[in-house]
Amino acid sequence: MRLSSIASLGLAASLCVCFTSAAYAGAPQAAVDAYANMCVQMANDGHIGDVDLKGNPKLQTYCGCFGRKFADRAVTKTEPLKTKAEQQQAQKEEMEMRNSCRADNGLPPVPPKK
């Protein structure tokens, strides 16, 4: 019984170190790729997202940049958005990430909503 408790404690400590290391290292590449692919898909579907970039040769690179920033933020902000102010702040941060990646890739800022 004591050996299993020690083993459980060791496993818990290992998981804590792994998750802490992952948080400091940024998001896992699989998450980055998933967000980047979703960005491309949404732009190409033309319904929501960066639809103004549909067909742009820089779309994939832009989405890779945005996917990285979005995934990194998802790793650090795990609490649900409870208030309207928190939701608005998250939207503001997302817009800043989008425009930063657009600028990095020589693309125009996100157009205003119609």
PDB file of N, CA and C in Angstrom:
ATOM      1  N   MET A   1       0.831  -1.193   0.000  1.00  0.00           N
ATOM      2  CA  MET A   1       0.000   0.000   0.000  1.00  0.00           C
ATOM      3  C   MET A   1       0.873   1.254   0.000  1.00  0.00           C
ATOM      4  N   ARG A   2       1.902   1.271   0.813  1.00  0.00           N
ATOM      5  CA  ARG A   2       2.782   2.432   0.886  1.00  0.00           C
ATOM      6  C   ARG A   2       3.503   2.651  -0.441  1.00  0.00           C
ATOM      7  N   LEU A   3       3.917   1.575  -1.107  1.00  0.00           N
ATOM      8  CA  LEU A   3       4.619   1.678  -2.381  1.00  0.00           C
ATOM      9  C   LEU A   3       3.722   2.312  -3.442  1.00  0.00           C
ATOM     10  N   SER A   4       2.442   1.940  -3.441  1.00  0.00           N
ATOM     11  CA  SER A   4       1.540   2.530  -4.435  1.00  0.00           C
ATOM     12  C   SER A   4       1.306   4.012  -4.155  1.00  0.00           C
ATOM     13  N   SER A   5       1.286   4.402  -2.890  1.00  0.00           N
ATOM     14  CA  SER A   5       1.134   5.820  -2.552  1.00  0.00           C
ATOM     15  C   SER A   5       2.337   6.614  -3.021  1.00  0.00           C
ATOM     16  N   ILE A   6       3.518   6.061  -2.847  1.00  0.00           N
ATOM     17  CA  ILE A   6       4.739   6.722  -3.299  1.00  0.00           C
ATOM     18  C   ILE A   6       4.738   6.825  -4.821  1.00  0.00           C
ATOM     19  N   ALA A   7       4.317   5.756  -5.478  1.00  0.00           N
ATOM     20  CA  ALA A   7       4.254   5.769  -6.943  1.00  0.00           C
ATOM     21  C   ALA A   7       3.250   6.810  -7.430  1.00  0.00           C
ATOM     22  N   SER A   8       2.099   6.897  -6.769  1.00  0.00           N
ATOM     23  CA  SER A   8       1.084   7.885  -7.153  1.00  0.00           C
ATOM     24  C   SER A   8       1.604   9.303  -6.964  1.00  0.00           C
ATOM     25  N   LEU A   9       2.297   9.526  -5.863  1.00  0.00           N
ATOM     26  CA  LEU A   9       2.864  10.840  -5.602  1.00  0.00           C
ATOM     27  C   LEU A   9       3.908  11.202  -6.660  1.00  0.00           C
ATOM     28  N   GLY A  10       4.725  10.227  -7.017  1.00  0.00           N
ATOM     29  CA  GLY A  10       5.740  10.454  -8.053  1.00  0.00           C
ATOM     30  C   GLY A  10       5.106  10.777  -9.393  1.00  0.00           C
ATOM     31  N   LEU A  11       4.041  10.049  -9.743  1.00  0.00           N
ATOM     32  CA  LEU A  11       3.336  10.303 -11.000  1.00  0.00           C
ATOM     33  C   LEU A  11       2.721  11.702 -11.000  1.00  0.00           C
ATOM     34  N   ALA A  12       2.100  12.073  -9.891  1.00  0.00           N
ATOM     35  CA  ALA A  12       1.490  13.403  -9.798  1.00  0.00           C
ATOM     36  C   ALA A  12       2.550  14.494  -9.937  1.00  0.00           C
ATOM     37  N   ALA A  13       3.684  14.312  -9.293  1.00  0.00           N
ATOM     38  CA  ALA A  13       4.762  15.301  -9.391  1.00  0.00           C
ATOM     39  C   ALA A  13       5.286  15.389 -10.820  1.00  0.00           C
ATOM     40  N   SER A  14       5.414  14.245 -11.482  1.00  0.00           N
ATOM     41  CA  SER A  14       5.886  14.236 -12.872  1.00  0.00           C
ATOM     42  C   SER A  14       4.922  14.974 -13.781  1.00  0.00           C
ATOM     43  N   LEU A  15       3.624  14.726 -13.598  1.00  0.00           N
ATOM     44  CA  LEU A  15       2.622  15.404 -14.418  1.00  0.00           C
ATOM     45  C   LEU A  15       2.647  16.905 -14.173  1.00  0.00           C
ATOM     46  N   CYS A  16       2.811  17.298 -12.933  1.00  0.00           N
ATOM     47  CA  CYS A  16       2.866  18.720 -12.604  1.00  0.00           C
ATOM     48  C   CYS A  16       4.045  19.380 -13.312  1.00  0.00           C
ATOM     49  N   VAL A  17       5.200  18.741 -13.273  1.00  0.00           N
ATOM     50  CA  VAL A  17       6.386  19.280 -13.938  1.00  0.00           C
ATOM     51  C   VAL A  17       6.157  19.364 -15.438  1.00  0.00           C
ATOM     52  N   CYS A  18       5.557  18.326 -16.021  1.00  0.00           N
ATOM     53  CA  CYS A  18       5.310  18.323 -17.472  1.00  0.00           C
ATOM     54  C   CYS A  18       4.359  19.443 -17.869  1.00  0.00           C
ATOM     55  N   PHE A  19       3.251  19.592 -17.133  1.00  0.00           N
ATOM     56  CA  PHE A  19       2.287  20.623 -17.489  1.00  0.00           C
ATOM     57  C   PHE A  19       2.855  22.016 -17.256  1.00  0.00           C
ATOM     58  N   THR A  20       3.605  22.191 -16.188  1.00  0.00           N
ATOM     59  CA  THR A  20       4.224  23.484 -15.932  1.00  0.00           C
ATOM     60  C   THR A  20       5.225  23.811 -17.028  1.00  0.00           C
ATOM     61  N   SER A  21       6.029  22.842 -17.416  1.00  0.00           N
ATOM     62  CA  SER A  21       7.008  23.065 -18.480  1.00  0.00           C
ATOM     63  C   SER A  21       6.318  23.412 -19.787  1.00  0.00           C
ATOM     64  N   ALA A  22       5.229  22.724 -20.083  1.00  0.00           N
ATOM     65  CA  ALA A  22       4.498  22.992 -21.324  1.00  0.00           C
ATOM     66  C   ALA A  22       3.941  24.411 -21.327  1.00  0.00           C
ATOM     67  N   ALA A  23       3.462  24.865 -20.170  1.00  0.00           N
ATOM     68  CA  ALA A  23       2.904  26.213 -20.098  1.00  0.00           C
ATOM     69  C   ALA A  23       3.977  27.265 -20.344  1.00  0.00           C
ATOM     70  N   TYR A  24       5.155  27.035 -19.815  1.00  0.00           N
ATOM     71  CA  TYR A  24       6.223  28.005 -20.019  1.00  0.00           C
ATOM     72  C   TYR A  24       6.802  27.915 -21.422  1.00  0.00           C
ATOM     73  N   ALA A  25       6.748  26.756 -22.027  1.00  0.00           N
ATOM     74  CA  ALA A  25       7.309  26.578 -23.367  1.00  0.00           C
ATOM     75  C   ALA A  25       6.333  27.016 -24.448  1.00  0.00           C
ATOM     76  N   GLY A  26       5.098  27.302 -24.079  1.00  0.00           N
ATOM     77  CA  GLY A  26       4.087  27.651 -25.058  1.00  0.00           C
ATOM     78  C   GLY A  26       3.188  26.460 -25.316  1.00  0.00           C
ATOM     79  N   ALA A  27       2.280  26.650 -26.216  1.00  0.00           N
ATOM     80  CA  ALA A  27       1.303  25.612 -26.522  1.00  0.00           C
ATOM     81  C   ALA A  27       1.940  24.480 -27.313  1.00  0.00           C
ATOM     82  N   PRO A  28       1.404  23.264 -27.153  1.00  0.00           N
ATOM     83  CA  PRO A  28       1.895  22.143 -27.965  1.00  0.00           C
ATOM     84  C   PRO A  28       1.664  22.412 -29.455  1.00  0.00           C
ATOM     85  N   GLN A  29       2.547  21.901 -30.279  1.00  0.00           N
ATOM     86  CA  GLN A  29       2.462  22.140 -31.721  1.00  0.00           C
ATOM     87  C   GLN A  29       1.139  21.651 -32.298  1.00  0.00           C
ATOM     88  N   ALA A  30       0.591  20.571 -31.745  1.00  0.00           N
ATOM     89  CA  ALA A  30      -0.691  20.059 -32.245  1.00  0.00           C
ATOM     90  C   ALA A  30      -1.797  21.105 -32.078  1.00  0.00           C
ATOM     91  N   ALA A  31      -1.780  21.829 -30.960  1.00  0.00           N
ATOM     92  CA  ALA A  31      -2.785  22.874 -30.739  1.00  0.00           C
ATOM     93  C   ALA A  31      -2.572  24.029 -31.710  1.00  0.00           C
ATOM     94  N   VAL A  32      -1.317  24.408 -31.910  1.00  0.00           N
ATOM     95  CA  VAL A  32      -0.997  25.480 -32.860  1.00  0.00           C
ATOM     96  C   VAL A  32      -1.497  25.105 -34.250  1.00  0.00           C
ATOM     97  N   ASP A  33      -1.194  23.882 -34.667  1.00  0.00           N
ATOM     98  CA  ASP A  33      -1.620  23.416 -35.992  1.00  0.00           C
ATOM     99  C   ASP A  33      -3.137  23.387 -36.111  1.00  0.00           C
ATOM    100  N   ALA A  34      -3.818  22.953 -35.045  1.00  0.00           N
ATOM    101  CA  ALA A  34      -5.282  22.884 -35.077  1.00  0.00           C
ATOM    102  C   ALA A  34      -5.885  24.279 -35.248  1.00  0.00           C
ATOM    103  N   TYR A  35      -5.377  25.253 -34.487  1.00  0.00           N
ATOM    104  CA  TYR A  35      -5.889  26.621 -34.619  1.00  0.00           C
ATOM    105  C   TYR A  35      -5.554  27.208 -35.986  1.00  0.00           C
ATOM    106  N   ALA A  36      -4.360  26.937 -36.486  1.00  0.00           N
ATOM    107  CA  ALA A  36      -3.969  27.445 -37.809  1.00  0.00           C
ATOM    108  C   ALA A  36      -4.862  26.849 -38.895  1.00  0.00           C
ATOM    109  N   ASN A  37      -5.111  25.552 -38.820  1.00  0.00           N
ATOM    110  CA  ASN A  37      -5.980  24.896 -39.809  1.00  0.00           C
ATOM    111  C   ASN A  37      -7.405  25.433 -39.738  1.00  0.00           C
ATOM    112  N   MET A  38      -7.892  25.676 -38.514  1.00  0.00           N
ATOM    113  CA  MET A  38      -9.233  26.220 -38.350  1.00  0.00           C
ATOM    114  C   MET A  38      -9.302  27.624 -38.961  1.00  0.00           C
ATOM    115  N   CYS A  39      -8.258  28.413 -38.775  1.00  0.00           N
ATOM    116  CA  CYS A  39      -8.182  29.766 -39.344  1.00  0.00           C
ATOM    117  C   CYS A  39      -8.284  29.712 -40.870  1.00  0.00           C
ATOM    118  N   VAL A  40      -7.507  28.831 -41.488  1.00  0.00           N
ATOM    119  CA  VAL A  40      -7.527  28.687 -42.953  1.00  0.00           C
ATOM    120  C   VAL A  40      -8.902  28.227 -43.415  1.00  0.00           C
ATOM    121  N   GLN A  41      -9.455  27.221 -42.741  1.00  0.00           N
ATOM    122  CA  GLN A  41     -10.753  26.669 -43.129  1.00  0.00           C
ATOM    123  C   GLN A  41     -11.851  27.725 -43.049  1.00  0.00           C
ATOM    124  N   MET A  42     -11.860  28.495 -41.952  1.00  0.00           N
ATOM    125  CA  MET A  42     -12.898  29.517 -41.789  1.00  0.00           C
ATOM    126  C   MET A  42     -12.765  30.605 -42.845  1.00  0.00           C
ATOM    127  N   ALA A  43     -11.540  31.000 -43.165  1.00  0.00           N
ATOM    128  CA  ALA A  43     -11.331  32.020 -44.207  1.00  0.00           C
ATOM    129  C   ALA A  43     -11.788  31.496 -45.562  1.00  0.00           C
ATOM    130  N   ASN A  44     -11.467  30.255 -45.854  1.00  0.00           N
ATOM    131  CA  ASN A  44     -11.828  29.676 -47.153  1.00  0.00           C
ATOM    132  C   ASN A  44     -13.316  29.392 -47.275  1.00  0.00           C
ATOM    133  N   ASP A  45     -13.977  29.088 -46.145  1.00  0.00           N
ATOM    134  CA  ASP A  45     -15.422  28.859 -46.179  1.00  0.00           C
ATOM    135  C   ASP A  45     -16.179  30.162 -46.415  1.00  0.00           C
ATOM    136  N   GLY A  46     -15.553  31.272 -46.038  1.00  0.00           N
ATOM    137  CA  GLY A  46     -16.140  32.577 -46.313  1.00  0.00           C
ATOM    138  C   GLY A  46     -17.275  32.998 -45.414  1.00  0.00           C
ATOM    139  N   HIS A  47     -17.444  32.337 -44.278  1.00  0.00           N
ATOM    140  CA  HIS A  47     -18.555  32.699 -43.391  1.00  0.00           C
ATOM    141  C   HIS A  47     -18.104  33.616 -42.260  1.00  0.00           C
ATOM    142  N   ILE A  48     -17.055  33.210 -41.561  1.00  0.00           N
ATOM    143  CA  ILE A  48     -16.532  33.995 -40.438  1.00  0.00           C
ATOM    144  C   ILE A  48     -15.013  33.918 -40.464  1.00  0.00           C
ATOM    145  N   GLY A  49     -14.396  34.673 -39.580  1.00  0.00           N
ATOM    146  CA  GLY A  49     -12.937  34.648 -39.537  1.00  0.00           C
ATOM    147  C   GLY A  49     -12.355  35.664 -40.499  1.00  0.00           C
ATOM    148  N   ASP A  50     -11.207  35.345 -41.032  1.00  0.00           N
ATOM    149  CA  ASP A  50     -10.468  36.261 -41.904  1.00  0.00           C
ATOM    150  C   ASP A  50     -10.852  36.055 -43.365  1.00  0.00           C
ATOM    151  N   VAL A  51     -12.130  36.231 -43.657  1.00  0.00           N
ATOM    152  CA  VAL A  51     -12.645  35.959 -45.000  1.00  0.00           C
ATOM    153  C   VAL A  51     -12.052  36.887 -46.056  1.00  0.00           C
ATOM    154  N   ASP A  52     -11.592  38.068 -45.642  1.00  0.00           N
ATOM    155  CA  ASP A  52     -10.985  38.984 -46.613  1.00  0.00           C
ATOM    156  C   ASP A  52      -9.654  38.449 -47.141  1.00  0.00           C
ATOM    157  N   LEU A  53      -9.104  37.432 -46.484  1.00  0.00           N
ATOM    158  CA  LEU A  53      -7.833  36.846 -46.932  1.00  0.00           C
ATOM    159  C   LEU A  53      -8.027  35.592 -47.787  1.00  0.00           C
ATOM    160  N   LYS A  54      -9.277  35.233 -48.052  1.00  0.00           N
ATOM    161  CA  LYS A  54      -9.541  34.046 -48.871  1.00  0.00           C
ATOM    162  C   LYS A  54      -8.812  34.179 -50.208  1.00  0.00           C
ATOM    163  N   GLY A  55      -8.042  33.150 -50.555  1.00  0.00           N
ATOM    164  CA  GLY A  55      -7.302  33.139 -51.810  1.00  0.00           C
ATOM    165  C   GLY A  55      -5.971  33.877 -51.756  1.00  0.00           C
ATOM    166  N   ASN A  56      -5.682  34.536 -50.643  1.00  0.00           N
ATOM    167  CA  ASN A  56      -4.418  35.266 -50.520  1.00  0.00           C
ATOM    168  C   ASN A  56      -3.280  34.262 -50.316  1.00  0.00           C
ATOM    169  N   PRO A  57      -2.179  34.390 -51.059  1.00  0.00           N
ATOM    170  CA  PRO A  57      -1.072  33.439 -50.910  1.00  0.00           C
ATOM    171  C   PRO A  57      -0.415  33.479 -49.527  1.00  0.00           C
ATOM    172  N   LYS A  58      -0.671  34.531 -48.757  1.00  0.00           N
ATOM    173  CA  LYS A  58      -0.089  34.640 -47.416  1.00  0.00           C
ATOM    174  C   LYS A  58      -1.011  34.098 -46.325  1.00  0.00           C
ATOM    175  N   LEU A  59      -2.174  33.579 -46.713  1.00  0.00           N
ATOM    176  CA  LEU A  59      -3.150  33.105 -45.730  1.00  0.00           C
ATOM    177  C   LEU A  59      -2.562  32.038 -44.814  1.00  0.00           C
ATOM    178  N   GLN A  60      -1.903  31.039 -45.368  1.00  0.00           N
ATOM    179  CA  GLN A  60      -1.359  29.940 -44.564  1.00  0.00           C
ATOM    180  C   GLN A  60      -0.329  30.457 -43.551  1.00  0.00           C
ATOM    181  N   THR A  61       0.552  31.344 -43.987  1.00  0.00           N
ATOM    182  CA  THR A  61       1.575  31.894 -43.093  1.00  0.00           C
ATOM    183  C   THR A  61       0.933  32.749 -42.005  1.00  0.00           C
ATOM    184  N   TYR A  62      -0.029  33.564 -42.403  1.00  0.00           N
ATOM    185  CA  TYR A  62      -0.760  34.388 -41.435  1.00  0.00           C
ATOM    186  C   TYR A  62      -1.442  33.500 -40.397  1.00  0.00           C
ATOM    187  N   CYS A  63      -2.124  32.460 -40.860  1.00  0.00           N
ATOM    188  CA  CYS A  63      -2.842  31.577 -39.944  1.00  0.00           C
ATOM    189  C   CYS A  63      -1.888  30.818 -39.025  1.00  0.00           C
ATOM    190  N   GLY A  64      -0.692  30.499 -39.504  1.00  0.00           N
ATOM    191  CA  GLY A  64       0.306  29.871 -38.642  1.00  0.00           C
ATOM    192  C   GLY A  64       0.702  30.800 -37.504  1.00  0.00           C
ATOM    193  N   CYS A  65       0.894  32.071 -37.822  1.00  0.00           N
ATOM    194  CA  CYS A  65       1.222  33.084 -36.813  1.00  0.00           C
ATOM    195  C   CYS A  65       0.076  33.230 -35.813  1.00  0.00           C
ATOM    196  N   PHE A  66      -1.147  33.385 -36.333  1.00  0.00           N
ATOM    197  CA  PHE A  66      -2.302  33.557 -35.459  1.00  0.00           C
ATOM    198  C   PHE A  66      -2.544  32.299 -34.630  1.00  0.00           C
ATOM    199  N   GLY A  67      -2.388  31.128 -35.242  1.00  0.00           N
ATOM    200  CA  GLY A  67      -2.567  29.872 -34.513  1.00  0.00           C
ATOM    201  C   GLY A  67      -1.620  29.767 -33.338  1.00  0.00           C
ATOM    202  N   ARG A  68      -0.367  30.186 -33.523  1.00  0.00           N
ATOM    203  CA  ARG A  68       0.629  30.169 -32.439  1.00  0.00           C
ATOM    204  C   ARG A  68       0.202  31.096 -31.310  1.00  0.00           C
ATOM    205  N   LYS A  69      -0.170  32.325 -31.646  1.00  0.00           N
ATOM    206  CA  LYS A  69      -0.556  33.295 -30.620  1.00  0.00           C
ATOM    207  C   LYS A  69      -1.823  32.847 -29.891  1.00  0.00           C
ATOM    208  N   PHE A  70      -2.795  32.334 -30.641  1.00  0.00           N
ATOM    209  CA  PHE A  70      -4.057  31.909 -30.047  1.00  0.00           C
ATOM    210  C   PHE A  70      -3.837  30.716 -29.125  1.00  0.00           C
ATOM    211  N   ALA A  71      -3.044  29.745 -29.571  1.00  0.00           N
ATOM    212  CA  ALA A  71      -2.771  28.558 -28.754  1.00  0.00           C
ATOM    213  C   ALA A  71      -1.983  28.925 -27.505  1.00  0.00           C
ATOM    214  N   ASP A  72      -1.009  29.803 -27.633  1.00  0.00           N
ATOM    215  CA  ASP A  72      -0.239  30.235 -26.459  1.00  0.00           C
ATOM    216  C   ASP A  72      -1.142  30.917 -25.440  1.00  0.00           C
ATOM    217  N   ARG A  73      -2.073  31.723 -25.917  1.00  0.00           N
ATOM    218  CA  ARG A  73      -3.008  32.379 -24.995  1.00  0.00           C
ATOM    219  C   ARG A  73      -3.929  31.354 -24.345  1.00  0.00           C
ATOM    220  N   ALA A  74      -4.356  30.365 -25.102  1.00  0.00           N
ATOM    221  CA  ALA A  74      -5.242  29.335 -24.557  1.00  0.00           C
ATOM    222  C   ALA A  74      -4.565  28.561 -23.429  1.00  0.00           C
ATOM    223  N   VAL A  75      -3.258  28.371 -23.526  1.00  0.00           N
ATOM    224  CA  VAL A  75      -2.514  27.659 -22.483  1.00  0.00           C
ATOM    225  C   VAL A  75      -2.459  28.481 -21.200  1.00  0.00           C
ATOM    226  N   THR A  76      -2.333  29.789 -21.330  1.00  0.00           N
ATOM    227  CA  THR A  76      -2.173  30.632 -20.144  1.00  0.00           C
ATOM    228  C   THR A  76      -3.492  31.103 -19.551  1.00  0.00           C
ATOM    229  N   LYS A  77      -4.549  31.138 -20.347  1.00  0.00           N
ATOM    230  CA  LYS A  77      -5.845  31.612 -19.854  1.00  0.00           C
ATOM    231  C   LYS A  77      -6.851  30.479 -19.916  1.00  0.00           C
ATOM    232  N   THR A  78      -6.934  29.749 -18.819  1.00  0.00           N
ATOM    233  CA  THR A  78      -7.797  28.571 -18.802  1.00  0.00           C
ATOM    234  C   THR A  78      -9.120  28.811 -18.082  1.00  0.00           C
ATOM    235  N   GLU A  79      -9.262  29.955 -17.427  1.00  0.00           N
ATOM    236  CA  GLU A  79     -10.503  30.250 -16.718  1.00  0.00           C
ATOM    237  C   GLU A  79     -11.587  30.675 -17.708  1.00  0.00           C
ATOM    238  N   PRO A  80     -12.831  30.248 -17.484  1.00  0.00           N
ATOM    239  CA  PRO A  80     -13.911  30.671 -18.380  1.00  0.00           C
ATOM    240  C   PRO A  80     -14.161  32.181 -18.255  1.00  0.00           C
ATOM    241  N   LEU A  81     -14.604  32.774 -19.339  1.00  0.00           N
ATOM    242  CA  LEU A  81     -14.925  34.204 -19.350  1.00  0.00           C
ATOM    243  C   LEU A  81     -16.309  34.369 -18.736  1.00  0.00           C
ATOM    244  N   LYS A  82     -16.371  35.011 -17.576  1.00  0.00           N
ATOM    245  CA  LYS A  82     -17.621  35.075 -16.829  1.00  0.00           C
ATOM    246  C   LYS A  82     -18.408  36.356 -17.066  1.00  0.00           C
ATOM    247  N   THR A  83     -17.713  37.445 -17.283  1.00  0.00           N
ATOM    248  CA  THR A  83     -18.413  38.723 -17.411  1.00  0.00           C
ATOM    249  C   THR A  83     -18.306  39.266 -18.831  1.00  0.00           C
ATOM    250  N   LYS A  84     -19.170  40.205 -19.126  1.00  0.00           N
ATOM    251  CA  LYS A  84     -19.132  40.859 -20.434  1.00  0.00           C
ATOM    252  C   LYS A  84     -17.792  41.571 -20.626  1.00  0.00           C
ATOM    253  N   ALA A  85     -17.266  42.168 -19.564  1.00  0.00           N
ATOM    254  CA  ALA A  85     -15.976  42.864 -19.645  1.00  0.00           C
ATOM    255  C   ALA A  85     -14.853  41.880 -19.988  1.00  0.00           C
ATOM    256  N   GLU A  86     -14.884  40.688 -19.399  1.00  0.00           N
ATOM    257  CA  GLU A  86     -13.868  39.670 -19.710  1.00  0.00           C
ATOM    258  C   GLU A  86     -13.985  39.214 -21.158  1.00  0.00           C
ATOM    259  N   GLN A  87     -15.209  39.062 -21.643  1.00  0.00           N
ATOM    260  CA  GLN A  87     -15.419  38.664 -23.035  1.00  0.00           C
ATOM    261  C   GLN A  87     -14.921  39.751 -23.984  1.00  0.00           C
ATOM    262  N   GLN A  88     -15.208  41.000 -23.656  1.00  0.00           N
ATOM    263  CA  GLN A  88     -14.747  42.108 -24.493  1.00  0.00           C
ATOM    264  C   GLN A  88     -13.223  42.203 -24.491  1.00  0.00           C
ATOM    265  N   GLN A  89     -12.605  41.961 -23.339  1.00  0.00           N
ATOM    266  CA  GLN A  89     -11.143  41.986 -23.260  1.00  0.00           C
ATOM    267  C   GLN A  89     -10.544  40.874 -24.115  1.00  0.00           C
ATOM    268  N   ALA A  90     -11.149  39.690 -24.070  1.00  0.00           N
ATOM    269  CA  ALA A  90     -10.665  38.566 -24.881  1.00  0.00           C
ATOM    270  C   ALA A  90     -10.789  38.889 -26.370  1.00  0.00           C
ATOM    271  N   GLN A  91     -11.900  39.507 -26.769  1.00  0.00           N
ATOM    272  CA  GLN A  91     -12.080  39.897 -28.168  1.00  0.00           C
ATOM    273  C   GLN A  91     -11.052  40.943 -28.585  1.00  0.00           C
ATOM    274  N   LYS A  92     -10.757  41.878 -27.695  1.00  0.00           N
ATOM    275  CA  LYS A  92      -9.753  42.910 -27.980  1.00  0.00           C
ATOM    276  C   LYS A  92      -8.381  42.264 -28.167  1.00  0.00           C
ATOM    277  N   GLU A  93      -8.032  41.324 -27.277  1.00  0.00           N
ATOM    278  CA  GLU A  93      -6.746  40.633 -27.387  1.00  0.00           C
ATOM    279  C   GLU A  93      -6.656  39.849 -28.693  1.00  0.00           C
ATOM    280  N   GLU A  94      -7.754  39.185 -29.061  1.00  0.00           N
ATOM    281  CA  GLU A  94      -7.768  38.414 -30.305  1.00  0.00           C
ATOM    282  C   GLU A  94      -7.576  39.334 -31.513  1.00  0.00           C
ATOM    283  N   MET A  95      -8.220  40.486 -31.501  1.00  0.00           N
ATOM    284  CA  MET A  95      -8.068  41.439 -32.605  1.00  0.00           C
ATOM    285  C   MET A  95      -6.626  41.937 -32.683  1.00  0.00           C
ATOM    286  N   GLU A  96      -6.014  42.183 -31.522  1.00  0.00           N
ATOM    287  CA  GLU A  96      -4.614  42.616 -31.498  1.00  0.00           C
ATOM    288  C   GLU A  96      -3.702  41.526 -32.067  1.00  0.00           C
ATOM    289  N   MET A  97      -3.996  40.263 -31.732  1.00  0.00           N
ATOM    290  CA  MET A  97      -3.203  39.151 -32.268  1.00  0.00           C
ATOM    291  C   MET A  97      -3.359  39.079 -33.783  1.00  0.00           C
ATOM    292  N   ARG A  98      -4.585  39.208 -34.258  1.00  0.00           N
ATOM    293  CA  ARG A  98      -4.839  39.157 -35.704  1.00  0.00           C
ATOM    294  C   ARG A  98      -4.079  40.271 -36.426  1.00  0.00           C
ATOM    295  N   ASN A  99      -4.215  41.486 -35.925  1.00  0.00           N
ATOM    296  CA  ASN A  99      -3.563  42.616 -36.590  1.00  0.00           C
ATOM    297  C   ASN A  99      -2.044  42.533 -36.494  1.00  0.00           C
ATOM    298  N   SER A 100      -1.529  42.001 -35.412  1.00  0.00           N
ATOM    299  CA  SER A 100      -0.084  41.814 -35.280  1.00  0.00           C
ATOM    300  C   SER A 100       0.423  40.830 -36.335  1.00  0.00           C
ATOM    301  N   CYS A 101      -0.282  39.718 -36.494  1.00  0.00           N
ATOM    302  CA  CYS A 101       0.119  38.720 -37.497  1.00  0.00           C
ATOM    303  C   CYS A 101      -0.061  39.260 -38.910  1.00  0.00           C
ATOM    304  N   ARG A 102      -1.096  40.047 -39.116  1.00  0.00           N
ATOM    305  CA  ARG A 102      -1.289  40.654 -40.438  1.00  0.00           C
ATOM    306  C   ARG A 102      -0.129  41.595 -40.751  1.00  0.00           C
ATOM    307  N   ALA A 103       0.249  42.418 -39.787  1.00  0.00           N
ATOM    308  CA  ALA A 103       1.361  43.351 -39.998  1.00  0.00           C
ATOM    309  C   ALA A 103       2.660  42.591 -40.256  1.00  0.00           C
ATOM    310  N   ASP A 104       2.880  41.512 -39.500  1.00  0.00           N
ATOM    311  CA  ASP A 104       4.094  40.702 -39.683  1.00  0.00           C
ATOM    312  C   ASP A 104       4.187  40.117 -41.085  1.00  0.00           C
ATOM    313  N   ASN A 105       3.037  39.927 -41.733  1.00  0.00           N
ATOM    314  CA  ASN A 105       2.994  39.307 -43.057  1.00  0.00           C
ATOM    315  C   ASN A 105       2.660  40.294 -44.173  1.00  0.00           C
ATOM    316  N   GLY A 106       2.715  41.582 -43.864  1.00  0.00           N
ATOM    317  CA  GLY A 106       2.456  42.598 -44.883  1.00  0.00           C
ATOM    318  C   GLY A 106       1.019  42.617 -45.365  1.00  0.00           C
ATOM    319  N   LEU A 107       0.096  42.258 -44.490  1.00  0.00           N
ATOM    320  CA  LEU A 107      -1.328  42.232 -44.841  1.00  0.00           C
ATOM    321  C   LEU A 107      -2.032  43.429 -44.207  1.00  0.00           C
ATOM    322  N   PRO A 108      -3.166  43.843 -44.769  1.00  0.00           N
ATOM    323  CA  PRO A 108      -3.898  44.977 -44.197  1.00  0.00           C
ATOM    324  C   PRO A 108      -4.535  44.597 -42.856  1.00  0.00           C
ATOM    325  N   PRO A 109      -4.848  45.596 -42.023  1.00  0.00           N
ATOM    326  CA  PRO A 109      -5.534  45.309 -40.759  1.00  0.00           C
ATOM    327  C   PRO A 109      -6.887  44.645 -41.010  1.00  0.00           C
ATOM    328  N   VAL A 110      -7.419  44.038 -39.970  1.00  0.00           N
ATOM    329  CA  VAL A 110      -8.742  43.418 -40.057  1.00  0.00           C
ATOM    330  C   VAL A 110      -9.744  44.503 -40.435  1.00  0.00           C
ATOM    331  N   PRO A 111     -10.543  44.262 -41.476  1.00  0.00           N
ATOM    332  CA  PRO A 111     -11.534  45.280 -41.864  1.00  0.00           C
ATOM    333  C   PRO A 111     -12.621  45.400 -40.800  1.00  0.00           C
ATOM    334  N   PRO A 112     -13.217  46.589 -40.674  1.00  0.00           N
ATOM    335  CA  PRO A 112     -14.296  46.758 -39.694  1.00  0.00           C
ATOM    336  C   PRO A 112     -15.493  45.881 -40.054  1.00  0.00           C
ATOM    337  N   LYS A 113     -16.243  45.493 -39.007  1.00  0.00           N
ATOM    338  CA  LYS A 113     -17.451  44.690 -39.237  1.00  0.00           C
ATOM    339  C   LYS A 113     -18.482  45.522 -39.965  1.00  0.00           C
ATOM    340  N   LYS A 114     -19.221  44.831 -40.846  1.00  0.00           N
ATOM    341  CA  LYS A 114     -20.267  45.524 -41.623  1.00  0.00           C
ATOM    342  C   LYS A 114     -21.572  45.487 -40.899  1.00  0.00           C
TER     343      LYS A 114
END
